[in-house]
Every structure is written in structure tokens, then in C-alpha cells.
Amino acid sequence: MDPAADLAPGGTDAVRTAVRKRLRSTVIDVTPIFGFTLTFALTHRLGVALTLALTTGAGVFLLRLVRREPVRQALFFLGVVCVQGLLAGRTGDATNFFLPHLVTHAVMAVVTPVLLLLGWPPLGVLVGLVTGERTTWRRCAVRRRAFTKGSLVMYTGNLLTLSVQLPLFLTGQAVALGTVDVFGPLVFALGALLGWRVYRRSVGTHRCDAPVGPGPDLTPTLERTVR
């Protein structure tokens, strides 16, 4: 039986569409980072680099609105860019522009093992939100294990990114750090895609309807965390 049968109707297509959208939006997401890094590398003037980054961030915000993307997502993106600019501007250190992303990867590196131990693999949470299945996948032990394997793929990508970012941040190599940061969203999207493939291969033709302990419904909290 097709492992997609364990998902909500159209679930597999929904996941593929979400990943494709994530890959396409990567170009938009990294525009302020790319602009800041390139400008700082050419001019070594923090003010000029910040001006370009904030201007680009505002442009991306407007583009998201024109494309009728959720206003909350557009505002969140603009808010992150503003925080990045504020941190770098107040401290006078270009590396602090990338601090929010570094903190995000560090938090993910700590939280992911905890979620795995609690039986809430992040990939399963993301797929549940994308497909509308929510948390029903937890009723099948086979699917939980498969989502755990897929989440480990995503976790590996996060650790690799963090292992490169952290030394660059500590040594103040802003341009190199920005170059790595540009690839951050792409690494996440590819990690999710590879993790999804690992999940599909691990589930194979198995379909498990045996219930497991329901546990608390953490969906609202996890939704806020993902957003």
C-alpha cells in the first residue's frame, strides 16, 4: 500500500508543493542577507550595508503583500530584518547582523533532541501542519519512527550549518558568515526534502492503524514555535 495513504487526502502533494514553495522563496528570503554581505564586503561600511539590507527587506515585505502571502509571515520577515539591523547598528559589529539566525540554529540544535525523546519529531510536526493531518500520525509507532529518522536528516543539516557559523561569528568574520548564512534557508529546505524521502522509504508499504497513547495535544504550542 502506498505510504501516502497514511496522510490526509492530498498529503503527499501538499508536502511536495510546500517544499517547492520553500525552495522558490529561498531566493527572496536571502536577498537582504546577500545585499548586506556583498555591500559590506565591497565597502566595509556598516551604515551603507545596513541601509541596503533594510531597504531590500522593505521591498521583500511589499512583494509578499503583492503576492498575497499571509500578512503575518510578511511582518515576521520584516521584523527579523529590522532586529538584525538594530543589533548590528547598535553594536557597530557587522557579525551581529547574523546573530538572530545563529540563535535560531542553536535553539533548534538543543530543542530537536528533546522533541525526539518526547516522541514529537519536528518533521512529523511540520508535515502534520502542511497536510492538515495535525498529530494523528503519532498513533502509528512505525510512522513515528520514520519521522524520527527523517528529522535526524534535518537535524544533521542544522548541526553542520551551526558548526560552520559559530566559529565564524566568534572570530568576527562577517563576510564569510554572511556567505554561509545565505545558504541557510536552502539547507533547511533540502534537509526537509531529504528527510521526507527518508520517511517515505522507512514507511515503505506499511500502514499502521494501531493507536498509541494519545498524550497531550501540543499542536498549538508547536505551531507557534514553527512560525
C-alpha atoms as a PDB file:
ATOM      1  CA  MET A   1       0.000   0.000   0.000  1.00  0.00           C
ATOM      2  CA  ASP A   2       1.209   3.492  -0.764  1.00  0.00           C
ATOM      3  CA  PRO A   3       2.643   5.127   2.366  1.00  0.00           C
ATOM      4  CA  ALA A   4       0.909   8.301   1.313  1.00  0.00           C
ATOM      5  CA  ALA A   5      -2.315   6.608   2.324  1.00  0.00           C
ATOM      6  CA  ASP A   6      -1.391   7.315   5.939  1.00  0.00           C
ATOM      7  CA  LEU A   7      -1.583  11.026   5.212  1.00  0.00           C
ATOM      8  CA  ALA A   8      -4.587  13.244   4.824  1.00  0.00           C
ATOM      9  CA  PRO A   9      -6.044  13.346   1.301  1.00  0.00           C
ATOM     10  CA  GLY A  10      -3.572  15.032  -0.990  1.00  0.00           C
ATOM     11  CA  GLY A  11      -0.986  14.958   1.778  1.00  0.00           C
ATOM     12  CA  THR A  12       1.939  13.872  -0.371  1.00  0.00           C
ATOM     13  CA  ASP A  13       1.204  16.535  -2.955  1.00  0.00           C
ATOM     14  CA  ALA A  14       0.846  19.114  -0.196  1.00  0.00           C
ATOM     15  CA  VAL A  15       4.292  18.274   1.183  1.00  0.00           C
ATOM     16  CA  ARG A  16       5.897  18.397  -2.256  1.00  0.00           C
ATOM     17  CA  THR A  17       4.214  21.719  -3.007  1.00  0.00           C
ATOM     18  CA  ALA A  18       5.333  23.160   0.335  1.00  0.00           C
ATOM     19  CA  VAL A  19       8.940  22.127  -0.288  1.00  0.00           C
ATOM     20  CA  ARG A  20       8.895  23.567  -3.804  1.00  0.00           C
ATOM     21  CA  LYS A  21       7.491  26.850  -2.474  1.00  0.00           C
ATOM     22  CA  ARG A  22      10.158  26.881   0.216  1.00  0.00           C
ATOM     23  CA  LEU A  23      12.898  26.417  -2.375  1.00  0.00           C
ATOM     24  CA  ARG A  24      11.469  29.147  -4.602  1.00  0.00           C
ATOM     25  CA  SER A  25      11.082  31.593  -1.729  1.00  0.00           C
ATOM     26  CA  THR A  26      14.684  30.986  -0.660  1.00  0.00           C
ATOM     27  CA  VAL A  27      15.846  33.499  -3.259  1.00  0.00           C
ATOM     28  CA  ILE A  28      13.540  36.124  -1.752  1.00  0.00           C
ATOM     29  CA  ASP A  29      14.384  35.266   1.858  1.00  0.00           C
ATOM     30  CA  VAL A  30      18.126  35.663   1.427  1.00  0.00           C
ATOM     31  CA  THR A  31      18.016  38.927  -0.555  1.00  0.00           C
ATOM     32  CA  PRO A  32      18.650  41.210   2.474  1.00  0.00           C
ATOM     33  CA  ILE A  33      21.407  38.893   3.707  1.00  0.00           C
ATOM     34  CA  PHE A  34      23.046  38.755   0.297  1.00  0.00           C
ATOM     35  CA  GLY A  35      22.774  42.514  -0.143  1.00  0.00           C
ATOM     36  CA  PHE A  36      24.245  43.218   3.292  1.00  0.00           C
ATOM     37  CA  THR A  37      27.111  40.766   2.847  1.00  0.00           C
ATOM     38  CA  LEU A  38      28.046  41.896  -0.653  1.00  0.00           C
ATOM     39  CA  THR A  39      27.860  45.604   0.213  1.00  0.00           C
ATOM     40  CA  PHE A  40      29.910  45.202   3.381  1.00  0.00           C
ATOM     41  CA  ALA A  41      32.492  43.105   1.516  1.00  0.00           C
ATOM     42  CA  LEU A  42      32.879  45.832  -1.138  1.00  0.00           C
ATOM     43  CA  THR A  43      32.683  48.957   1.020  1.00  0.00           C
ATOM     44  CA  HIS A  44      33.459  47.827   4.591  1.00  0.00           C
ATOM     45  CA  ARG A  45      30.946  50.479   5.626  1.00  0.00           C
ATOM     46  CA  LEU A  46      28.370  49.133   8.042  1.00  0.00           C
ATOM     47  CA  GLY A  47      25.951  52.013   7.544  1.00  0.00           C
ATOM     48  CA  VAL A  48      25.783  51.523   3.791  1.00  0.00           C
ATOM     49  CA  ALA A  49      25.326  47.770   4.151  1.00  0.00           C
ATOM     50  CA  LEU A  50      22.538  48.223   6.711  1.00  0.00           C
ATOM     51  CA  THR A  51      20.743  50.768   4.558  1.00  0.00           C
ATOM     52  CA  LEU A  52      20.709  48.381   1.620  1.00  0.00           C
ATOM     53  CA  ALA A  53      19.633  45.437   3.773  1.00  0.00           C
ATOM     54  CA  LEU A  54      16.740  47.331   5.376  1.00  0.00           C
ATOM     55  CA  THR A  55      15.642  48.781   2.048  1.00  0.00           C
ATOM     56  CA  THR A  56      15.709  45.330   0.497  1.00  0.00           C
ATOM     57  CA  GLY A  57      13.794  43.909   3.455  1.00  0.00           C
ATOM     58  CA  ALA A  58      11.075  46.527   2.985  1.00  0.00           C
ATOM     59  CA  GLY A  59      10.946  45.675  -0.715  1.00  0.00           C
ATOM     60  CA  VAL A  60      10.548  41.984   0.049  1.00  0.00           C
ATOM     61  CA  PHE A  61       7.788  42.823   2.524  1.00  0.00           C
ATOM     62  CA  LEU A  62       5.874  44.700  -0.152  1.00  0.00           C
ATOM     63  CA  LEU A  63       6.479  41.899  -2.654  1.00  0.00           C
ATOM     64  CA  ARG A  64       4.999  39.363  -0.259  1.00  0.00           C
ATOM     65  CA  LEU A  65       1.921  41.530   0.154  1.00  0.00           C
ATOM     66  CA  VAL A  66       1.550  41.880  -3.611  1.00  0.00           C
ATOM     67  CA  ARG A  67       1.814  38.106  -3.948  1.00  0.00           C
ATOM     68  CA  ARG A  68      -0.987  37.820  -1.372  1.00  0.00           C
ATOM     69  CA  GLU A  69       1.125  35.899   1.088  1.00  0.00           C
ATOM     70  CA  PRO A  70      -0.083  35.931   4.716  1.00  0.00           C
ATOM     71  CA  VAL A  71       0.482  39.354   6.260  1.00  0.00           C
ATOM     72  CA  ARG A  72       1.747  37.765   9.466  1.00  0.00           C
ATOM     73  CA  GLN A  73       4.554  35.991   7.603  1.00  0.00           C
ATOM     74  CA  ALA A  74       5.487  39.183   5.760  1.00  0.00           C
ATOM     75  CA  LEU A  75       5.581  41.150   9.010  1.00  0.00           C
ATOM     76  CA  PHE A  76       7.635  38.448  10.707  1.00  0.00           C
ATOM     77  CA  PHE A  77      10.189  38.539   7.887  1.00  0.00           C
ATOM     78  CA  LEU A  78      10.421  42.336   8.047  1.00  0.00           C
ATOM     79  CA  GLY A  79      10.680  42.203  11.841  1.00  0.00           C
ATOM     80  CA  VAL A  80      13.638  39.815  11.687  1.00  0.00           C
ATOM     81  CA  VAL A  81      15.464  42.063   9.216  1.00  0.00           C
ATOM     82  CA  CYS A  82      14.837  45.082  11.463  1.00  0.00           C
ATOM     83  CA  VAL A  83      16.151  43.218  14.511  1.00  0.00           C
ATOM     84  CA  GLN A  84      19.243  42.211  12.540  1.00  0.00           C
ATOM     85  CA  GLY A  85      19.827  45.815  11.526  1.00  0.00           C
ATOM     86  CA  LEU A  86      19.274  47.058  15.077  1.00  0.00           C
ATOM     87  CA  LEU A  87      21.750  44.591  16.564  1.00  0.00           C
ATOM     88  CA  ALA A  88      24.455  45.429  14.036  1.00  0.00           C
ATOM     89  CA  GLY A  89      23.804  49.193  14.169  1.00  0.00           C
ATOM     90  CA  ARG A  90      23.749  49.484  17.966  1.00  0.00           C
ATOM     91  CA  THR A  91      26.897  47.419  18.473  1.00  0.00           C
ATOM     92  CA  GLY A  92      28.793  48.586  15.396  1.00  0.00           C
ATOM     93  CA  ASP A  93      29.670  44.952  14.677  1.00  0.00           C
ATOM     94  CA  ALA A  94      28.629  43.552  11.296  1.00  0.00           C
ATOM     95  CA  THR A  95      28.664  39.968  12.579  1.00  0.00           C
ATOM     96  CA  ASN A  96      25.734  40.759  14.883  1.00  0.00           C
ATOM     97  CA  PHE A  97      23.554  41.185  11.807  1.00  0.00           C
ATOM     98  CA  PHE A  98      23.546  37.395  11.558  1.00  0.00           C
ATOM     99  CA  LEU A  99      23.014  36.761  15.284  1.00  0.00           C
ATOM    100  CA  PRO A 100      19.240  36.014  15.084  1.00  0.00           C
ATOM    101  CA  HIS A 101      19.821  33.226  12.569  1.00  0.00           C
ATOM    102  CA  LEU A 102      22.679  31.850  14.638  1.00  0.00           C
ATOM    103  CA  VAL A 103      20.491  31.810  17.749  1.00  0.00           C
ATOM    104  CA  THR A 104      17.712  30.084  15.799  1.00  0.00           C
ATOM    105  CA  HIS A 105      20.043  27.301  14.698  1.00  0.00           C
ATOM    106  CA  ALA A 106      21.411  26.960  18.229  1.00  0.00           C
ATOM    107  CA  VAL A 107      17.902  26.675  19.693  1.00  0.00           C
ATOM    108  CA  MET A 108      16.982  24.073  17.073  1.00  0.00           C
ATOM    109  CA  ALA A 109      20.131  22.129  17.945  1.00  0.00           C
ATOM    110  CA  VAL A 110      19.005  21.963  21.584  1.00  0.00           C
ATOM    111  CA  VAL A 111      15.244  21.573  21.128  1.00  0.00           C
ATOM    112  CA  THR A 112      15.269  18.897  18.411  1.00  0.00           C
ATOM    113  CA  PRO A 113      16.760  16.094  20.570  1.00  0.00           C
ATOM    114  CA  VAL A 114      14.253  16.944  23.311  1.00  0.00           C
ATOM    115  CA  LEU A 115      11.346  16.721  20.866  1.00  0.00           C
ATOM    116  CA  LEU A 116      12.680  13.415  19.544  1.00  0.00           C
ATOM    117  CA  LEU A 117      12.892  11.984  23.051  1.00  0.00           C
ATOM    118  CA  LEU A 118       9.341  13.131  23.761  1.00  0.00           C
ATOM    119  CA  GLY A 119       8.087  11.465  20.579  1.00  0.00           C
ATOM    120  CA  TRP A 120       7.473  14.685  18.666  1.00  0.00           C
ATOM    121  CA  PRO A 121       9.894  14.539  15.703  1.00  0.00           C
ATOM    122  CA  PRO A 122       9.940  18.006  14.076  1.00  0.00           C
ATOM    123  CA  LEU A 123       9.429  16.613  10.574  1.00  0.00           C
ATOM    124  CA  GLY A 124       6.214  14.951  11.694  1.00  0.00           C
ATOM    125  CA  VAL A 125       5.008  18.218  13.220  1.00  0.00           C
ATOM    126  CA  LEU A 126       5.784  20.139  10.029  1.00  0.00           C
ATOM    127  CA  VAL A 127       4.148  17.543   7.784  1.00  0.00           C
ATOM    128  CA  GLY A 128       1.088  17.476  10.025  1.00  0.00           C
ATOM    129  CA  LEU A 129       0.723  21.250   9.745  1.00  0.00           C
ATOM    130  CA  VAL A 130       1.231  21.227   5.965  1.00  0.00           C
ATOM    131  CA  THR A 131      -1.192  18.392   5.235  1.00  0.00           C
ATOM    132  CA  GLY A 132      -3.787  19.264   7.858  1.00  0.00           C
ATOM    133  CA  GLU A 133      -3.261  15.871   9.486  1.00  0.00           C
ATOM    134  CA  ARG A 134      -2.142  17.584  12.686  1.00  0.00           C
ATOM    135  CA  THR A 135      -0.931  14.929  15.151  1.00  0.00           C
ATOM    136  CA  THR A 136      -2.775  11.773  14.097  1.00  0.00           C
ATOM    137  CA  TRP A 137       0.485  10.309  12.753  1.00  0.00           C
ATOM    138  CA  ARG A 138       1.539   9.756  16.368  1.00  0.00           C
ATOM    139  CA  ARG A 139      -0.946   6.918  16.626  1.00  0.00           C
ATOM    140  CA  CYS A 140       1.321   4.755  14.481  1.00  0.00           C
ATOM    141  CA  ALA A 141       4.639   3.699  16.004  1.00  0.00           C
ATOM    142  CA  VAL A 142       6.086   2.880  12.582  1.00  0.00           C
ATOM    143  CA  ARG A 143       5.346   6.348  11.263  1.00  0.00           C
ATOM    144  CA  ARG A 144       6.747   7.961  14.412  1.00  0.00           C
ATOM    145  CA  ARG A 145       9.996   6.084  13.949  1.00  0.00           C
ATOM    146  CA  ALA A 146      10.063   7.023  10.259  1.00  0.00           C
ATOM    147  CA  PHE A 147       9.511  10.696  11.078  1.00  0.00           C
ATOM    148  CA  THR A 148      12.282  10.439  13.665  1.00  0.00           C
ATOM    149  CA  LYS A 149      14.702   9.169  11.011  1.00  0.00           C
ATOM    150  CA  GLY A 150      13.672  11.975   8.680  1.00  0.00           C
ATOM    151  CA  SER A 151      14.066  14.528  11.462  1.00  0.00           C
ATOM    152  CA  LEU A 152      17.609  13.299  12.087  1.00  0.00           C
ATOM    153  CA  VAL A 153      18.439  14.205   8.472  1.00  0.00           C
ATOM    154  CA  MET A 154      17.148  17.748   9.053  1.00  0.00           C
ATOM    155  CA  TYR A 155      18.997  17.882  12.369  1.00  0.00           C
ATOM    156  CA  THR A 156      22.264  16.902  10.698  1.00  0.00           C
ATOM    157  CA  GLY A 157      21.937  19.796   8.256  1.00  0.00           C
ATOM    158  CA  ASN A 158      21.231  22.190  11.115  1.00  0.00           C
ATOM    159  CA  LEU A 159      24.273  20.993  13.072  1.00  0.00           C
ATOM    160  CA  LEU A 160      26.525  21.318  10.034  1.00  0.00           C
ATOM    161  CA  THR A 161      25.340  24.880   9.439  1.00  0.00           C
ATOM    162  CA  LEU A 162      25.787  25.791  13.101  1.00  0.00           C
ATOM    163  CA  SER A 163      29.252  24.204  13.251  1.00  0.00           C
ATOM    164  CA  VAL A 164      30.368  26.485  10.426  1.00  0.00           C
ATOM    165  CA  GLN A 165      28.553  29.615  11.599  1.00  0.00           C
ATOM    166  CA  LEU A 166      29.662  29.616  15.232  1.00  0.00           C
ATOM    167  CA  PRO A 167      33.462  29.774  14.664  1.00  0.00           C
ATOM    168  CA  LEU A 168      32.984  32.495  12.032  1.00  0.00           C
ATOM    169  CA  PHE A 169      30.836  34.528  14.424  1.00  0.00           C
ATOM    170  CA  LEU A 170      33.275  34.170  17.304  1.00  0.00           C
ATOM    171  CA  THR A 171      36.201  35.250  15.120  1.00  0.00           C
ATOM    172  CA  GLY A 172      34.309  38.204  13.660  1.00  0.00           C
ATOM    173  CA  GLN A 173      34.398  37.082  10.016  1.00  0.00           C
ATOM    174  CA  ALA A 174      31.274  38.915   8.869  1.00  0.00           C
ATOM    175  CA  VAL A 175      31.627  38.358   5.125  1.00  0.00           C
ATOM    176  CA  ALA A 176      32.276  34.622   5.466  1.00  0.00           C
ATOM    177  CA  LEU A 177      29.447  34.330   7.991  1.00  0.00           C
ATOM    178  CA  GLY A 178      27.093  36.123   5.610  1.00  0.00           C
ATOM    179  CA  THR A 179      28.094  33.810   2.786  1.00  0.00           C
ATOM    180  CA  VAL A 180      27.205  30.783   4.904  1.00  0.00           C
ATOM    181  CA  ASP A 181      24.005  32.427   6.121  1.00  0.00           C
ATOM    182  CA  VAL A 182      22.801  32.918   2.559  1.00  0.00           C
ATOM    183  CA  PHE A 183      22.649  29.140   2.172  1.00  0.00           C
ATOM    184  CA  GLY A 184      20.812  28.606   5.479  1.00  0.00           C
ATOM    185  CA  PRO A 185      17.232  28.535   4.065  1.00  0.00           C
ATOM    186  CA  LEU A 186      18.377  26.319   1.205  1.00  0.00           C
ATOM    187  CA  VAL A 187      19.968  23.841   3.614  1.00  0.00           C
ATOM    188  CA  PHE A 188      16.745  23.743   5.625  1.00  0.00           C
ATOM    189  CA  ALA A 189      14.580  23.163   2.551  1.00  0.00           C
ATOM    190  CA  LEU A 190      16.865  20.457   1.194  1.00  0.00           C
ATOM    191  CA  GLY A 191      17.029  18.857   4.639  1.00  0.00           C
ATOM    192  CA  ALA A 192      13.241  18.755   4.781  1.00  0.00           C
ATOM    193  CA  LEU A 193      13.077  17.245   1.300  1.00  0.00           C
ATOM    194  CA  LEU A 194      15.672  14.574   2.088  1.00  0.00           C
ATOM    195  CA  GLY A 195      14.020  13.915   5.438  1.00  0.00           C
ATOM    196  CA  TRP A 196      10.687  13.417   3.683  1.00  0.00           C
ATOM    197  CA  ARG A 197      12.269  10.904   1.312  1.00  0.00           C
ATOM    198  CA  VAL A 198      13.826   9.037   4.238  1.00  0.00           C
ATOM    199  CA  TYR A 199      10.402   8.960   5.878  1.00  0.00           C
ATOM    200  CA  ARG A 200       8.728   7.577   2.758  1.00  0.00           C
ATOM    201  CA  ARG A 201      11.393   4.903   2.357  1.00  0.00           C
ATOM    202  CA  SER A 202      11.219   3.942   6.041  1.00  0.00           C
ATOM    203  CA  VAL A 203       7.431   3.602   5.983  1.00  0.00           C
ATOM    204  CA  GLY A 204       7.508   1.664   2.721  1.00  0.00           C
ATOM    205  CA  THR A 205       4.242  -0.205   2.190  1.00  0.00           C
ATOM    206  CA  HIS A 206       3.386  -0.359   5.870  1.00  0.00           C
ATOM    207  CA  ARG A 207       0.198   1.170   7.174  1.00  0.00           C
ATOM    208  CA  CYS A 208      -0.398   1.055  10.899  1.00  0.00           C
ATOM    209  CA  ASP A 209      -3.766   1.898  12.399  1.00  0.00           C
ATOM    210  CA  ALA A 210      -2.940   0.675  15.885  1.00  0.00           C
ATOM    211  CA  PRO A 211      -3.404   3.534  18.346  1.00  0.00           C
ATOM    212  CA  VAL A 212      -0.781   4.571  20.813  1.00  0.00           C
ATOM    213  CA  GLY A 213      -1.082   6.665  23.909  1.00  0.00           C
ATOM    214  CA  PRO A 214      -2.712   9.931  22.906  1.00  0.00           C
ATOM    215  CA  GLY A 215      -0.528  12.152  25.045  1.00  0.00           C
ATOM    216  CA  PRO A 216      -1.122  15.880  25.347  1.00  0.00           C
ATOM    217  CA  ASP A 217      -2.035  17.830  22.223  1.00  0.00           C
ATOM    218  CA  LEU A 218       0.928  20.166  21.747  1.00  0.00           C
ATOM    219  CA  THR A 219      -0.169  21.336  18.305  1.00  0.00           C
ATOM    220  CA  PRO A 220      -0.943  24.979  19.266  1.00  0.00           C
ATOM    221  CA  THR A 221       2.403  25.383  21.037  1.00  0.00           C
ATOM    222  CA  LEU A 222       4.334  23.707  18.240  1.00  0.00           C
ATOM    223  CA  GLU A 223       2.553  25.844  15.641  1.00  0.00           C
ATOM    224  CA  ARG A 224       3.696  28.983  17.419  1.00  0.00           C
ATOM    225  CA  THR A 225       7.236  27.595  17.639  1.00  0.00           C
ATOM    226  CA  VAL A 226       7.379  26.783  13.908  1.00  0.00           C
ATOM    227  CA  ARG A 227       6.007  30.207  12.961  1.00  0.00           C
END
